[in-house]
Amino acid sequence: MQPSDYIWMNGELVPWQDAQVHVLTHALHYGTSVFEGVRCYETEIGPAVFRNAEHVDRLLRSAGLYYMPVPFSAEELRRATLETIAANGLRSCYIRPIVFRGYGTMGLFPLEARVDVAIAVWEWGAYLGDGSKQDGVRAKVSSWRRISPQAMIPHAKAGGQYLNSILAKIETHKAGYDEAIVLDEHGNVCEGSGENVFAVRDGQIVTPPQTASILDGISRRSIMRVARDLGFEVVERDIARAELYLADEVFVCGTAAELVPVREIDDQPVADGTPGEVTRAIQKVYDDALHGRDERYRDWLDPVPAQARTGAPLG
């Protein structure tokens, strides 16, 4: 990890090395945290955060689902994100806002523990490795199933829930693959360890529905919009595991990974083992949207105000 200069904690910018919590922080012991993954890109209108408001909204909704009242408004968190990027002098970066139960009580009843909020930003390259967006990745269907909605809340981006993804990620990494694909409790395709999944069959793009225990990805929604704007049919439905092997194309998407083709699944090449035309067409427009090169999606960008980049407070 490449350290930056400052992290925003509970309303204040503190030096990176001083952004610490107590060893008895509740979230450290019980996973009582929710978070977001967001990116800021260098664009022709300056550094801008991709779908900042939507990420803040999901963060607050995740916190609400786990009974964590956030002591800041959505607008305060949005502006804090922009100010933190500016304070660190970054033109592009990854952004990690987190809401967590802090120090003050122990045990499984969490409501007496304080709710803390932090926003960190740092430079972070391709999540699935250099060349992943161009060449595609090798994936393996994990033996670990996605958490059931009868046990937890898949729609919440909660820290403790990601132990499920970590098991899948380690299993597939040790087997020599780049990424995991996880099935839901019924054996249908759910998602990657940290990405949503799309398959292309006979010109139609299919992706698992929200009833398949997926996280309602903001990148997923953005790509569905781009695909439809390009004239493709996008269908949300259950996807059988075998359909991945029969697909013409498969790709995954997420904030950290962006849009990445999958060239092989369980040692079976996807079609001819190279990224397909549909994937490439969507990937190009989506990349243009991320970097502000397509006017149709300019409202997805939240620019870092010029006055913040010069050190002046946002009014």
C-alpha atoms as a PDB file:
ATOM      1  CA  MET A   1       0.000   0.000   0.000  1.00  0.00           C
ATOM      2  CA  GLN A   2       1.219   3.489  -0.896  1.00  0.00           C
ATOM      3  CA  PRO A   3       0.615   5.769   2.127  1.00  0.00           C
ATOM      4  CA  SER A   4      -0.874   9.215   1.587  1.00  0.00           C
ATOM      5  CA  ASP A   5      -0.507  12.205   3.891  1.00  0.00           C
ATOM      6  CA  TYR A   6      -3.884  12.443   5.623  1.00  0.00           C
ATOM      7  CA  ILE A   7      -6.929  10.397   6.593  1.00  0.00           C
ATOM      8  CA  TRP A   8     -10.265  11.953   7.530  1.00  0.00           C
ATOM      9  CA  MET A   9     -11.457  10.653  10.914  1.00  0.00           C
ATOM     10  CA  ASN A  10     -14.660  11.781  12.618  1.00  0.00           C
ATOM     11  CA  GLY A  11     -14.598  15.209  10.991  1.00  0.00           C
ATOM     12  CA  GLU A  12     -10.859  15.945  11.112  1.00  0.00           C
ATOM     13  CA  LEU A  13      -7.885  15.347   8.868  1.00  0.00           C
ATOM     14  CA  VAL A  14      -5.157  13.505  10.766  1.00  0.00           C
ATOM     15  CA  PRO A  15      -1.709  12.381   9.579  1.00  0.00           C
ATOM     16  CA  TRP A  16      -1.764   8.952   7.948  1.00  0.00           C
ATOM     17  CA  GLN A  17       0.408   7.365  10.641  1.00  0.00           C
ATOM     18  CA  ASP A  18      -1.767   8.776  13.432  1.00  0.00           C
ATOM     19  CA  ALA A  19      -5.047   7.356  12.099  1.00  0.00           C
ATOM     20  CA  GLN A  20      -5.275   4.624  14.708  1.00  0.00           C
ATOM     21  CA  VAL A  21      -7.910   2.811  16.763  1.00  0.00           C
ATOM     22  CA  HIS A  22      -7.791   1.002  20.106  1.00  0.00           C
ATOM     23  CA  VAL A  23      -7.036  -2.731  20.095  1.00  0.00           C
ATOM     24  CA  LEU A  24     -10.408  -3.271  21.811  1.00  0.00           C
ATOM     25  CA  THR A  25     -12.334  -1.560  19.035  1.00  0.00           C
ATOM     26  CA  HIS A  26     -15.622  -3.452  18.678  1.00  0.00           C
ATOM     27  CA  ALA A  27     -15.318  -3.845  14.884  1.00  0.00           C
ATOM     28  CA  LEU A  28     -11.918  -5.475  15.237  1.00  0.00           C
ATOM     29  CA  HIS A  29     -13.432  -8.267  17.331  1.00  0.00           C
ATOM     30  CA  TYR A  30     -16.850  -8.753  15.744  1.00  0.00           C
ATOM     31  CA  GLY A  31     -16.714  -7.296  12.237  1.00  0.00           C
ATOM     32  CA  THR A  32     -19.197  -4.511  13.031  1.00  0.00           C
ATOM     33  CA  SER A  33     -18.285  -2.228  10.151  1.00  0.00           C
ATOM     34  CA  VAL A  34     -19.615  -1.190   6.764  1.00  0.00           C
ATOM     35  CA  PHE A  35     -17.544   0.350   4.009  1.00  0.00           C
ATOM     36  CA  GLU A  36     -17.353   1.439   0.405  1.00  0.00           C
ATOM     37  CA  GLY A  37     -14.839   1.183  -2.413  1.00  0.00           C
ATOM     38  CA  VAL A  38     -14.772   4.314  -4.572  1.00  0.00           C
ATOM     39  CA  ARG A  39     -12.366   5.718  -7.153  1.00  0.00           C
ATOM     40  CA  CYS A  40     -11.288   9.189  -8.217  1.00  0.00           C
ATOM     41  CA  TYR A  41     -10.002   9.614 -11.766  1.00  0.00           C
ATOM     42  CA  GLU A  42      -7.981  12.237 -13.578  1.00  0.00           C
ATOM     43  CA  THR A  43     -10.376  13.689 -16.146  1.00  0.00           C
ATOM     44  CA  GLU A  44     -10.491  16.613 -18.550  1.00  0.00           C
ATOM     45  CA  ILE A  45     -12.431  18.528 -15.872  1.00  0.00           C
ATOM     46  CA  GLY A  46      -9.821  17.717 -13.238  1.00  0.00           C
ATOM     47  CA  PRO A  47      -9.817  14.957 -10.600  1.00  0.00           C
ATOM     48  CA  ALA A  48     -13.354  13.645 -10.133  1.00  0.00           C
ATOM     49  CA  VAL A  49     -14.960  10.932  -8.013  1.00  0.00           C
ATOM     50  CA  PHE A  50     -17.025   8.367  -9.894  1.00  0.00           C
ATOM     51  CA  ARG A  51     -20.610   8.218  -8.572  1.00  0.00           C
ATOM     52  CA  ASN A  52     -19.637   9.691  -5.224  1.00  0.00           C
ATOM     53  CA  ALA A  53     -23.204  10.390  -4.067  1.00  0.00           C
ATOM     54  CA  GLU A  54     -24.340   6.849  -4.874  1.00  0.00           C
ATOM     55  CA  HIS A  55     -21.491   5.347  -2.867  1.00  0.00           C
ATOM     56  CA  VAL A  56     -22.237   7.585   0.114  1.00  0.00           C
ATOM     57  CA  ASP A  57     -25.893   6.629  -0.101  1.00  0.00           C
ATOM     58  CA  ARG A  58     -25.086   2.905  -0.086  1.00  0.00           C
ATOM     59  CA  LEU A  59     -22.697   3.391   2.827  1.00  0.00           C
ATOM     60  CA  LEU A  60     -25.445   5.015   4.882  1.00  0.00           C
ATOM     61  CA  ARG A  61     -27.968   2.341   3.915  1.00  0.00           C
ATOM     62  CA  SER A  62     -25.536  -0.420   4.869  1.00  0.00           C
ATOM     63  CA  ALA A  63     -24.942   1.287   8.204  1.00  0.00           C
ATOM     64  CA  GLY A  64     -28.688   1.510   8.804  1.00  0.00           C
ATOM     65  CA  LEU A  65     -29.175  -2.189   8.100  1.00  0.00           C
ATOM     66  CA  TYR A  66     -26.683  -2.950  10.878  1.00  0.00           C
ATOM     67  CA  TYR A  67     -28.115  -0.405  13.336  1.00  0.00           C
ATOM     68  CA  MET A  68     -25.215   2.034  13.118  1.00  0.00           C
ATOM     69  CA  PRO A  69     -26.425   5.651  13.226  1.00  0.00           C
ATOM     70  CA  VAL A  70     -23.871   7.710  11.281  1.00  0.00           C
ATOM     71  CA  PRO A  71     -23.113  11.081  12.932  1.00  0.00           C
ATOM     72  CA  PHE A  72     -22.599  12.813   9.560  1.00  0.00           C
ATOM     73  CA  SER A  73     -24.996  13.622   6.728  1.00  0.00           C
ATOM     74  CA  ALA A  74     -24.610  12.323   3.195  1.00  0.00           C
ATOM     75  CA  GLU A  75     -23.530  15.768   2.028  1.00  0.00           C
ATOM     76  CA  GLU A  76     -20.928  16.058   4.793  1.00  0.00           C
ATOM     77  CA  LEU A  77     -19.441  12.693   3.791  1.00  0.00           C
ATOM     78  CA  ARG A  78     -19.450  13.573   0.099  1.00  0.00           C
ATOM     79  CA  ARG A  79     -17.625  16.823   0.743  1.00  0.00           C
ATOM     80  CA  ALA A  80     -15.252  15.161   3.198  1.00  0.00           C
ATOM     81  CA  THR A  81     -14.246  12.756   0.448  1.00  0.00           C
ATOM     82  CA  LEU A  82     -13.416  15.606  -1.922  1.00  0.00           C
ATOM     83  CA  GLU A  83     -11.496  17.499   0.766  1.00  0.00           C
ATOM     84  CA  THR A  84      -9.469  14.422   1.698  1.00  0.00           C
ATOM     85  CA  ILE A  85      -8.431  13.865  -1.918  1.00  0.00           C
ATOM     86  CA  ALA A  86      -7.446  17.528  -2.210  1.00  0.00           C
ATOM     87  CA  ALA A  87      -5.524  17.523   1.079  1.00  0.00           C
ATOM     88  CA  ASN A  88      -3.446  14.617  -0.192  1.00  0.00           C
ATOM     89  CA  GLY A  89      -2.776  16.306  -3.531  1.00  0.00           C
ATOM     90  CA  LEU A  90      -3.989  13.304  -5.498  1.00  0.00           C
ATOM     91  CA  ARG A  91      -5.261  13.444  -9.077  1.00  0.00           C
ATOM     92  CA  SER A  92      -6.477   9.840  -9.090  1.00  0.00           C
ATOM     93  CA  CYS A  93      -6.885   7.425  -6.210  1.00  0.00           C
ATOM     94  CA  TYR A  94      -8.860   4.693  -4.498  1.00  0.00           C
ATOM     95  CA  ILE A  95     -11.182   5.834  -1.706  1.00  0.00           C
ATOM     96  CA  ARG A  96     -12.173   3.787   1.338  1.00  0.00           C
ATOM     97  CA  PRO A  97     -14.902   5.259   3.582  1.00  0.00           C
ATOM     98  CA  ILE A  98     -15.678   3.088   6.595  1.00  0.00           C
ATOM     99  CA  VAL A  99     -18.237   3.266   9.397  1.00  0.00           C
ATOM    100  CA  PHE A 100     -17.488   1.079  12.404  1.00  0.00           C
ATOM    101  CA  ARG A 101     -18.333   0.401  16.008  1.00  0.00           C
ATOM    102  CA  GLY A 102     -15.444   1.763  18.032  1.00  0.00           C
ATOM    103  CA  TYR A 103     -13.961   1.449  21.494  1.00  0.00           C
ATOM    104  CA  GLY A 104     -16.041   1.460  24.658  1.00  0.00           C
ATOM    105  CA  THR A 105     -17.822  -1.839  25.109  1.00  0.00           C
ATOM    106  CA  MET A 106     -17.321  -5.535  24.459  1.00  0.00           C
ATOM    107  CA  GLY A 107     -19.744  -8.361  23.791  1.00  0.00           C
ATOM    108  CA  LEU A 108     -22.241  -9.143  21.067  1.00  0.00           C
ATOM    109  CA  PHE A 109     -24.692  -6.380  21.924  1.00  0.00           C
ATOM    110  CA  PRO A 110     -23.151  -3.465  20.006  1.00  0.00           C
ATOM    111  CA  LEU A 111     -25.534  -0.558  20.472  1.00  0.00           C
ATOM    112  CA  GLU A 112     -23.579   1.044  23.312  1.00  0.00           C
ATOM    113  CA  ALA A 113     -20.359   1.174  21.291  1.00  0.00           C
ATOM    114  CA  ARG A 114     -19.668   4.500  19.596  1.00  0.00           C
ATOM    115  CA  VAL A 115     -19.937   4.804  15.811  1.00  0.00           C
ATOM    116  CA  ASP A 116     -16.755   6.086  14.168  1.00  0.00           C
ATOM    117  CA  VAL A 117     -16.282   7.200  10.565  1.00  0.00           C
ATOM    118  CA  ALA A 118     -13.097   7.434   8.506  1.00  0.00           C
ATOM    119  CA  ILE A 119     -12.197   8.138   4.881  1.00  0.00           C
ATOM    120  CA  ALA A 120      -8.814   7.087   3.490  1.00  0.00           C
ATOM    121  CA  VAL A 121      -7.468   7.723  -0.009  1.00  0.00           C
ATOM    122  CA  TRP A 122      -4.382   6.315  -1.698  1.00  0.00           C
ATOM    123  CA  GLU A 123      -2.955   5.434  -5.087  1.00  0.00           C
ATOM    124  CA  TRP A 124      -3.944   1.906  -6.103  1.00  0.00           C
ATOM    125  CA  GLY A 125      -3.478   0.296  -9.482  1.00  0.00           C
ATOM    126  CA  ALA A 126      -5.216  -2.634 -11.169  1.00  0.00           C
ATOM    127  CA  TYR A 127      -6.843  -4.786  -8.475  1.00  0.00           C
ATOM    128  CA  LEU A 128      -6.705  -8.031 -10.482  1.00  0.00           C
ATOM    129  CA  GLY A 129      -3.183  -7.397 -11.716  1.00  0.00           C
ATOM    130  CA  ASP A 130      -1.420  -5.482 -14.444  1.00  0.00           C
ATOM    131  CA  GLY A 131      -2.799  -6.476 -17.814  1.00  0.00           C
ATOM    132  CA  SER A 132      -6.048  -7.909 -16.425  1.00  0.00           C
ATOM    133  CA  LYS A 133      -8.254  -5.392 -18.251  1.00  0.00           C
ATOM    134  CA  GLN A 134      -6.497  -6.066 -21.535  1.00  0.00           C
ATOM    135  CA  ASP A 135      -5.782  -9.804 -21.399  1.00  0.00           C
ATOM    136  CA  GLY A 136      -8.507 -11.072 -19.081  1.00  0.00           C
ATOM    137  CA  VAL A 137      -8.183 -13.330 -16.037  1.00  0.00           C
ATOM    138  CA  ARG A 138      -8.449 -17.002 -15.138  1.00  0.00           C
ATOM    139  CA  ALA A 139     -11.250 -17.800 -12.690  1.00  0.00           C
ATOM    140  CA  LYS A 140     -12.296 -20.799 -10.646  1.00  0.00           C
ATOM    141  CA  VAL A 141     -15.701 -21.600  -9.191  1.00  0.00           C
ATOM    142  CA  SER A 142     -15.089 -21.700  -5.448  1.00  0.00           C
ATOM    143  CA  SER A 143     -16.262 -24.491  -3.186  1.00  0.00           C
ATOM    144  CA  TRP A 144     -17.433 -21.776  -0.774  1.00  0.00           C
ATOM    145  CA  ARG A 145     -21.005 -20.562  -1.322  1.00  0.00           C
ATOM    146  CA  ARG A 146     -22.128 -16.954  -0.971  1.00  0.00           C
ATOM    147  CA  ILE A 147     -23.687 -16.066   2.364  1.00  0.00           C
ATOM    148  CA  SER A 148     -27.402 -16.756   2.517  1.00  0.00           C
ATOM    149  CA  PRO A 149     -29.848 -13.849   2.913  1.00  0.00           C
ATOM    150  CA  GLN A 150     -31.443 -15.993   5.637  1.00  0.00           C
ATOM    151  CA  ALA A 151     -28.283 -15.613   7.706  1.00  0.00           C
ATOM    152  CA  MET A 152     -26.906 -12.159   6.881  1.00  0.00           C
ATOM    153  CA  ILE A 153     -27.661  -9.217   4.570  1.00  0.00           C
ATOM    154  CA  PRO A 154     -25.874  -9.609   1.213  1.00  0.00           C
ATOM    155  CA  HIS A 155     -27.070  -6.155   0.101  1.00  0.00           C
ATOM    156  CA  ALA A 156     -25.064  -4.525   2.902  1.00  0.00           C
ATOM    157  CA  LYS A 157     -21.370  -3.961   2.249  1.00  0.00           C
ATOM    158  CA  ALA A 158     -20.398  -5.085   5.739  1.00  0.00           C
ATOM    159  CA  GLY A 159     -16.888  -5.895   6.918  1.00  0.00           C
ATOM    160  CA  GLY A 160     -17.646  -9.152   8.724  1.00  0.00           C
ATOM    161  CA  GLN A 161     -19.419 -10.564   5.691  1.00  0.00           C
ATOM    162  CA  TYR A 162     -16.250 -10.358   3.625  1.00  0.00           C
ATOM    163  CA  LEU A 163     -14.749 -13.332   5.457  1.00  0.00           C
ATOM    164  CA  ASN A 164     -16.897 -15.276   2.980  1.00  0.00           C
ATOM    165  CA  SER A 165     -15.118 -13.633   0.043  1.00  0.00           C
ATOM    166  CA  ILE A 166     -11.721 -14.016   1.677  1.00  0.00           C
ATOM    167  CA  LEU A 167     -12.150 -17.789   1.946  1.00  0.00           C
ATOM    168  CA  ALA A 168     -13.060 -17.957  -1.749  1.00  0.00           C
ATOM    169  CA  LYS A 169     -10.198 -15.653  -2.763  1.00  0.00           C
ATOM    170  CA  ILE A 170      -7.550 -17.599  -0.841  1.00  0.00           C
ATOM    171  CA  GLU A 171      -8.826 -20.962  -2.086  1.00  0.00           C
ATOM    172  CA  THR A 172      -8.653 -19.951  -5.728  1.00  0.00           C
ATOM    173  CA  HIS A 173      -5.355 -18.103  -5.343  1.00  0.00           C
ATOM    174  CA  LYS A 174      -3.730 -21.200  -3.825  1.00  0.00           C
ATOM    175  CA  ALA A 175      -5.058 -23.191  -6.779  1.00  0.00           C
ATOM    176  CA  GLY A 176      -3.299 -20.828  -9.185  1.00  0.00           C
ATOM    177  CA  TYR A 177      -6.192 -18.681 -10.426  1.00  0.00           C
ATOM    178  CA  ASP A 178      -6.667 -14.911 -10.542  1.00  0.00           C
ATOM    179  CA  GLU A 179     -10.203 -14.739  -9.155  1.00  0.00           C
ATOM    180  CA  ALA A 180     -13.045 -16.736  -7.628  1.00  0.00           C
ATOM    181  CA  ILE A 181     -16.607 -17.104  -8.842  1.00  0.00           C
ATOM    182  CA  VAL A 182     -19.004 -17.872  -6.012  1.00  0.00           C
ATOM    183  CA  LEU A 183     -22.346 -19.648  -6.304  1.00  0.00           C
ATOM    184  CA  ASP A 184     -25.399 -18.766  -4.222  1.00  0.00           C
ATOM    185  CA  GLU A 185     -27.085 -21.141  -1.775  1.00  0.00           C
ATOM    186  CA  HIS A 186     -29.091 -22.697  -4.642  1.00  0.00           C
ATOM    187  CA  GLY A 187     -26.030 -23.392  -6.782  1.00  0.00           C
ATOM    188  CA  ASN A 188     -26.598 -20.558  -9.245  1.00  0.00           C
ATOM    189  CA  VAL A 189     -23.914 -18.057 -10.216  1.00  0.00           C
ATOM    190  CA  CYS A 190     -23.695 -15.219  -7.693  1.00  0.00           C
ATOM    191  CA  GLU A 191     -20.596 -13.038  -8.059  1.00  0.00           C
ATOM    192  CA  GLY A 192     -16.829 -12.893  -7.857  1.00  0.00           C
ATOM    193  CA  SER A 193     -15.022 -12.495  -4.547  1.00  0.00           C
ATOM    194  CA  GLY A 194     -15.292  -8.733  -5.032  1.00  0.00           C
ATOM    195  CA  GLU A 195     -17.024  -8.195  -8.369  1.00  0.00           C
ATOM    196  CA  ASN A 196     -20.347  -8.689 -10.117  1.00  0.00           C
ATOM    197  CA  VAL A 197     -20.522 -11.193 -12.993  1.00  0.00           C
ATOM    198  CA  PHE A 198     -21.883 -10.868 -16.540  1.00  0.00           C
ATOM    199  CA  ALA A 199     -22.113 -13.481 -19.294  1.00  0.00           C
ATOM    200  CA  VAL A 200     -22.849 -13.026 -22.995  1.00  0.00           C
ATOM    201  CA  ARG A 201     -24.816 -15.705 -24.887  1.00  0.00           C
ATOM    202  CA  ASP A 202     -26.096 -15.271 -28.433  1.00  0.00           C
ATOM    203  CA  GLY A 203     -25.774 -11.480 -28.197  1.00  0.00           C
ATOM    204  CA  GLN A 204     -27.757 -11.220 -24.950  1.00  0.00           C
ATOM    205  CA  ILE A 205     -26.039 -10.053 -21.761  1.00  0.00           C
ATOM    206  CA  VAL A 206     -27.169 -11.857 -18.611  1.00  0.00           C
ATOM    207  CA  THR A 207     -26.303 -11.125 -14.992  1.00  0.00           C
ATOM    208  CA  PRO A 208     -27.523 -12.624 -11.702  1.00  0.00           C
ATOM    209  CA  PRO A 209     -30.508 -10.858 -10.104  1.00  0.00           C
ATOM    210  CA  GLN A 210     -30.529  -9.251  -6.675  1.00  0.00           C
ATOM    211  CA  THR A 211     -32.358 -12.325  -5.357  1.00  0.00           C
ATOM    212  CA  ALA A 212     -29.148 -14.333  -5.966  1.00  0.00           C
ATOM    213  CA  SER A 213     -27.469 -12.839  -2.854  1.00  0.00           C
ATOM    214  CA  ILE A 214     -25.389 -10.382  -4.887  1.00  0.00           C
ATOM    215  CA  LEU A 215     -24.199  -7.003  -3.731  1.00  0.00           C
ATOM    216  CA  ASP A 216     -26.117  -4.385  -5.718  1.00  0.00           C
ATOM    217  CA  GLY A 217     -22.974  -3.068  -7.354  1.00  0.00           C
ATOM    218  CA  ILE A 218     -22.705   0.547  -8.438  1.00  0.00           C
ATOM    219  CA  SER A 219     -20.284  -0.488 -11.203  1.00  0.00           C
ATOM    220  CA  ARG A 220     -22.816  -3.180 -12.160  1.00  0.00           C
ATOM    221  CA  ARG A 221     -25.602  -0.629 -12.518  1.00  0.00           C
ATOM    222  CA  SER A 222     -23.332   1.680 -14.510  1.00  0.00           C
ATOM    223  CA  ILE A 223     -22.310  -1.075 -16.922  1.00  0.00           C
ATOM    224  CA  MET A 224     -25.918  -2.171 -17.416  1.00  0.00           C
ATOM    225  CA  ARG A 225     -26.728   1.409 -18.410  1.00  0.00           C
ATOM    226  CA  VAL A 226     -23.772   1.585 -20.811  1.00  0.00           C
ATOM    227  CA  ALA A 227     -24.649  -1.778 -22.369  1.00  0.00           C
ATOM    228  CA  ARG A 228     -28.258  -0.751 -22.972  1.00  0.00           C
ATOM    229  CA  ASP A 229     -27.146   2.580 -24.411  1.00  0.00           C
ATOM    230  CA  LEU A 230     -25.037   0.589 -26.877  1.00  0.00           C
ATOM    231  CA  GLY A 231     -28.130  -1.335 -27.923  1.00  0.00           C
ATOM    232  CA  PHE A 232     -27.466  -4.603 -26.112  1.00  0.00           C
ATOM    233  CA  GLU A 233     -30.208  -6.524 -24.352  1.00  0.00           C
ATOM    234  CA  VAL A 234     -29.414  -6.949 -20.647  1.00  0.00           C
ATOM    235  CA  VAL A 235     -31.367  -9.525 -18.660  1.00  0.00           C
ATOM    236  CA  GLU A 236     -31.210 -10.117 -14.912  1.00  0.00           C
ATOM    237  CA  ARG A 237     -31.885 -13.797 -14.245  1.00  0.00           C
ATOM    238  CA  ASP A 238     -30.534 -16.873 -12.518  1.00  0.00           C
ATOM    239  CA  ILE A 239     -27.466 -18.282 -14.271  1.00  0.00           C
ATOM    240  CA  ALA A 240     -26.588 -21.958 -13.975  1.00  0.00           C
ATOM    241  CA  ARG A 241     -22.921 -22.780 -13.401  1.00  0.00           C
ATOM    242  CA  ALA A 242     -22.752 -24.685 -16.692  1.00  0.00           C
ATOM    243  CA  GLU A 243     -23.778 -21.552 -18.582  1.00  0.00           C
ATOM    244  CA  LEU A 244     -20.420 -20.010 -17.739  1.00  0.00           C
ATOM    245  CA  TYR A 245     -18.695 -22.751 -19.735  1.00  0.00           C
ATOM    246  CA  LEU A 246     -21.131 -22.314 -22.626  1.00  0.00           C
ATOM    247  CA  ALA A 247     -20.980 -18.512 -22.717  1.00  0.00           C
ATOM    248  CA  ASP A 248     -19.590 -16.572 -25.647  1.00  0.00           C
ATOM    249  CA  GLU A 249     -18.056 -14.054 -23.248  1.00  0.00           C
ATOM    250  CA  VAL A 250     -17.784 -13.529 -19.493  1.00  0.00           C
ATOM    251  CA  PHE A 251     -16.645 -10.425 -17.662  1.00  0.00           C
ATOM    252  CA  VAL A 252     -16.630  -9.123 -14.106  1.00  0.00           C
ATOM    253  CA  CYS A 253     -16.843  -5.596 -12.770  1.00  0.00           C
ATOM    254  CA  GLY A 254     -16.257  -3.699  -9.548  1.00  0.00           C
ATOM    255  CA  THR A 255     -14.819  -0.398  -8.404  1.00  0.00           C
ATOM    256  CA  ALA A 256     -11.388  -1.815  -7.609  1.00  0.00           C
ATOM    257  CA  ALA A 257     -11.192  -4.083 -10.671  1.00  0.00           C
ATOM    258  CA  GLU A 258     -13.204  -1.888 -13.089  1.00  0.00           C
ATOM    259  CA  LEU A 259     -14.312  -4.064 -16.065  1.00  0.00           C
ATOM    260  CA  VAL A 260     -12.220  -7.188 -16.561  1.00  0.00           C
ATOM    261  CA  PRO A 261     -12.747  -9.967 -19.144  1.00  0.00           C
ATOM    262  CA  VAL A 262     -12.670 -13.581 -17.938  1.00  0.00           C
ATOM    263  CA  ARG A 263     -10.793 -15.720 -20.442  1.00  0.00           C
ATOM    264  CA  GLU A 264     -10.941 -19.067 -18.629  1.00  0.00           C
ATOM    265  CA  ILE A 265     -13.119 -20.713 -15.961  1.00  0.00           C
ATOM    266  CA  ASP A 266     -12.166 -23.976 -14.252  1.00  0.00           C
ATOM    267  CA  ASP A 267      -9.505 -24.589 -16.914  1.00  0.00           C
ATOM    268  CA  GLN A 268     -12.115 -24.244 -19.665  1.00  0.00           C
ATOM    269  CA  PRO A 269     -11.512 -21.371 -22.098  1.00  0.00           C
ATOM    270  CA  VAL A 270     -14.402 -18.966 -22.518  1.00  0.00           C
ATOM    271  CA  ALA A 271     -15.124 -19.320 -26.266  1.00  0.00           C
ATOM    272  CA  ASP A 272     -11.683 -18.971 -27.905  1.00  0.00           C
ATOM    273  CA  GLY A 273     -10.045 -17.761 -24.692  1.00  0.00           C
ATOM    274  CA  THR A 274      -9.742 -14.106 -25.693  1.00  0.00           C
ATOM    275  CA  PRO A 275     -11.873 -11.094 -24.698  1.00  0.00           C
ATOM    276  CA  GLY A 276     -14.918 -10.800 -26.961  1.00  0.00           C
ATOM    277  CA  GLU A 277     -16.358  -7.971 -29.023  1.00  0.00           C
ATOM    278  CA  VAL A 278     -19.258  -7.211 -26.665  1.00  0.00           C
ATOM    279  CA  THR A 279     -16.937  -7.021 -23.670  1.00  0.00           C
ATOM    280  CA  ARG A 280     -14.549  -4.742 -25.544  1.00  0.00           C
ATOM    281  CA  ALA A 281     -17.332  -2.430 -26.737  1.00  0.00           C
ATOM    282  CA  ILE A 282     -18.729  -1.961 -23.224  1.00  0.00           C
ATOM    283  CA  GLN A 283     -15.277  -1.714 -21.682  1.00  0.00           C
ATOM    284  CA  LYS A 284     -14.299   1.145 -23.982  1.00  0.00           C
ATOM    285  CA  VAL A 285     -17.383   3.256 -23.296  1.00  0.00           C
ATOM    286  CA  TYR A 286     -17.236   2.500 -19.578  1.00  0.00           C
ATOM    287  CA  ASP A 287     -13.583   3.575 -19.455  1.00  0.00           C
ATOM    288  CA  ASP A 288     -14.533   6.775 -21.263  1.00  0.00           C
ATOM    289  CA  ALA A 289     -17.262   7.348 -18.655  1.00  0.00           C
ATOM    290  CA  LEU A 290     -14.813   6.843 -15.784  1.00  0.00           C
ATOM    291  CA  HIS A 291     -12.401   9.380 -17.222  1.00  0.00           C
ATOM    292  CA  GLY A 292     -14.961  11.979 -18.306  1.00  0.00           C
ATOM    293  CA  ARG A 293     -14.506  11.452 -22.037  1.00  0.00           C
ATOM    294  CA  ASP A 294     -18.189  10.719 -22.719  1.00  0.00           C
ATOM    295  CA  GLU A 295     -20.636  13.574 -22.158  1.00  0.00           C
ATOM    296  CA  ARG A 296     -23.549  11.145 -21.677  1.00  0.00           C
ATOM    297  CA  TYR A 297     -22.148  10.086 -18.322  1.00  0.00           C
ATOM    298  CA  ARG A 298     -20.613  13.340 -17.111  1.00  0.00           C
ATOM    299  CA  ASP A 299     -23.179  13.571 -14.309  1.00  0.00           C
ATOM    300  CA  TRP A 300     -21.615  10.432 -12.793  1.00  0.00           C
ATOM    301  CA  LEU A 301     -18.512  12.478 -11.942  1.00  0.00           C
ATOM    302  CA  ASP A 302     -18.148  14.580  -8.794  1.00  0.00           C
ATOM    303  CA  PRO A 303     -15.224  16.956  -9.439  1.00  0.00           C
ATOM    304  CA  VAL A 304     -12.812  17.931  -6.697  1.00  0.00           C
ATOM    305  CA  PRO A 305     -13.405  21.715  -6.522  1.00  0.00           C
ATOM    306  CA  ALA A 306     -10.491  23.879  -7.585  1.00  0.00           C
ATOM    307  CA  GLN A 307     -10.574  25.829  -4.324  1.00  0.00           C
ATOM    308  CA  ALA A 308     -10.152  22.601  -2.355  1.00  0.00           C
ATOM    309  CA  ARG A 309      -7.143  21.663  -4.474  1.00  0.00           C
ATOM    310  CA  THR A 310      -5.509  24.976  -3.470  1.00  0.00           C
ATOM    311  CA  GLY A 311      -6.189  24.369   0.224  1.00  0.00           C
ATOM    312  CA  ALA A 312      -9.229  26.611   0.615  1.00  0.00           C
ATOM    313  CA  PRO A 313     -12.178  25.085   2.507  1.00  0.00           C
ATOM    314  CA  LEU A 314     -15.301  24.142   0.586  1.00  0.00           C
ATOM    315  CA  GLY A 315     -17.915  26.763   1.390  1.00  0.00           C
END
